[in-house]
Structures are given as structure tokens and as C-alpha cells.
Amino acid sequence: MGNGTERVKGKATEIKGAVKATVGDLTHNDQLHAEGHAEQAEGQSRQELAKAKERVKGASEEVTGETKHAVGTLTGDDHLEAEGEAEAQKGKARQGLNK
């Protein structure tokens, strides 16, 4: 399952929890209110975990790309240099999108 899917499922759990907590408040049902807050927290945690995984993946892409770029520069391989630069930029972008 992809991290995008995990983020969506986390958001859905968070929203479901918020609704439960609100219904618990409106009906003065303390148990439902507590369950809702717990689900909300679970959803937020799930989203944060998915984002953290994507940041790690982005950092790995960035380092790999910078290494390819450096090797390409040292060996005069323009294709490898460009490929490395593209991969490094992709990694930076992935990290930025998952802050």
C-alpha cells in the first residue's frame, strides 16, 4: 500500500474521530467523545508516519542523485551528471511535499 493511500486513510480516520467526538459532546456521551479523540489521534499519527516515510525516501533519492551527479562530473559523463541532478531535485521535492 502506498504512502499516499496511507495518508488518505489517516485523514479519513481523523475525520471519523472528529465526528465521533462531536457527536459524543452533543449527546453527552463521554465514552463516544473519548473514542472519537482517540481515533482522531490515530489518524493524525498515521498521516505523520506516511509523511516521515516519504521524507526518508526523498532524502535517499537526494543523496543517490548527488552521488551520481558527482561521479558524472568527475568522469565527464554528462548523461550521468544530468540524471543525478534530476534525481536529487526529485528527492528534495519529495521531502518538501511531506513536511
Protein backbone atom coordinates (compact mmCIF):
# COMPACT_ATOMS: atom_id res chain seq x y z
CA MET A 1 0.00 0.00 0.00
CA GLY A 2 1.43 3.37 -0.99
CA ASN A 3 2.08 6.21 1.39
CA GLY A 4 -0.47 8.37 -0.43
CA THR A 5 -3.10 5.77 0.38
CA GLU A 6 -1.92 5.69 4.00
CA ARG A 7 -2.27 9.47 4.21
CA VAL A 8 -5.82 9.31 2.85
CA LYS A 9 -6.77 6.53 5.25
CA GLY A 10 -5.21 8.50 8.11
CA LYS A 11 -7.19 11.61 7.16
CA ALA A 12 -10.40 9.56 6.94
CA THR A 13 -9.76 8.11 10.41
CA GLU A 14 -9.04 11.60 11.75
CA ILE A 15 -12.30 12.97 10.32
CA LYS A 16 -14.29 9.97 11.57
CA GLY A 17 -12.83 10.54 15.03
CA ALA A 18 -13.68 14.23 14.96
CA VAL A 19 -17.28 13.42 14.03
CA LYS A 20 -17.49 10.82 16.81
CA ALA A 21 -16.07 13.26 19.35
CA THR A 22 -18.57 15.92 18.30
CA VAL A 23 -21.49 13.50 18.48
CA GLY A 24 -20.24 12.43 21.90
CA ASP A 25 -20.20 16.07 23.01
CA LEU A 26 -23.68 16.74 21.65
CA THR A 27 -25.17 13.63 23.23
CA HIS A 28 -23.15 13.97 26.46
CA ASN A 29 -21.69 10.51 25.79
CA ASP A 30 -18.24 10.64 27.39
CA GLN A 31 -17.19 7.25 26.02
CA LEU A 32 -18.06 8.19 22.43
CA HIS A 33 -16.28 11.51 22.91
CA ALA A 34 -13.12 9.74 24.17
CA GLU A 35 -13.24 7.15 21.38
CA GLY A 36 -13.53 9.96 18.85
CA HIS A 37 -10.49 11.76 20.21
CA ALA A 38 -8.52 8.50 20.18
CA GLU A 39 -9.45 7.86 16.52
CA GLN A 40 -8.57 11.44 15.67
CA ALA A 41 -5.11 10.99 17.20
CA GLU A 42 -4.67 7.64 15.44
CA GLY A 43 -5.49 9.25 12.09
CA GLN A 44 -3.05 12.09 12.67
CA SER A 45 -0.32 9.64 13.66
CA ARG A 46 -0.94 7.54 10.58
CA GLN A 47 -0.59 10.61 8.37
CA GLU A 48 2.61 11.71 10.08
CA LEU A 49 4.14 8.25 9.72
CA ALA A 50 3.36 8.22 5.99
CA LYS A 51 4.92 11.66 5.58
CA ALA A 52 8.02 10.62 7.53
CA LYS A 53 8.47 7.59 5.27
CA GLU A 54 8.25 9.85 2.22
CA ARG A 55 10.81 12.28 3.69
CA VAL A 56 13.24 9.39 4.23
CA LYS A 57 12.67 8.18 0.68
CA GLY A 58 13.26 11.72 -0.59
CA ALA A 59 16.48 12.06 1.39
CA SER A 60 17.71 8.78 -0.06
CA GLU A 61 16.89 9.95 -3.60
CA GLU A 62 18.65 13.22 -2.96
CA VAL A 63 21.86 11.55 -1.72
CA THR A 64 21.82 9.00 -4.55
CA GLY A 65 21.27 11.77 -7.07
CA GLU A 66 24.05 13.92 -5.68
CA THR A 67 26.40 10.92 -5.79
CA LYS A 68 25.51 10.19 -9.43
CA HIS A 69 25.95 13.87 -10.25
CA ALA A 70 29.40 13.93 -8.64
CA VAL A 71 30.52 10.74 -10.39
CA GLY A 72 29.23 12.09 -13.69
CA THR A 73 31.13 15.32 -13.16
CA LEU A 74 34.36 13.50 -12.26
CA THR A 75 34.15 11.09 -15.19
CA GLY A 76 32.87 13.60 -17.73
CA ASP A 77 29.65 11.61 -18.19
CA ASP A 78 27.13 14.34 -18.96
CA HIS A 79 24.21 11.89 -19.01
CA LEU A 80 25.01 10.53 -15.53
CA GLU A 81 25.57 14.07 -14.25
CA ALA A 82 22.16 15.21 -15.54
CA GLU A 83 20.44 12.06 -14.30
CA GLY A 84 21.93 12.60 -10.85
CA GLU A 85 20.84 16.23 -10.75
CA ALA A 86 17.28 15.24 -11.71
CA GLU A 87 17.15 12.55 -9.04
CA ALA A 88 18.50 14.91 -6.39
CA GLN A 89 15.86 17.50 -7.28
CA LYS A 90 13.14 14.84 -7.18
CA GLY A 91 14.28 13.86 -3.68
CA LYS A 92 14.28 17.46 -2.49
CA ALA A 93 10.78 17.95 -3.89
CA ARG A 94 9.50 14.78 -2.20
CA GLN A 95 10.88 15.98 1.12
CA GLY A 96 9.33 19.42 0.66
CA LEU A 97 5.89 17.99 -0.11
CA ASN A 98 5.94 15.90 3.06
CA LYS A 99 6.89 18.39 5.73
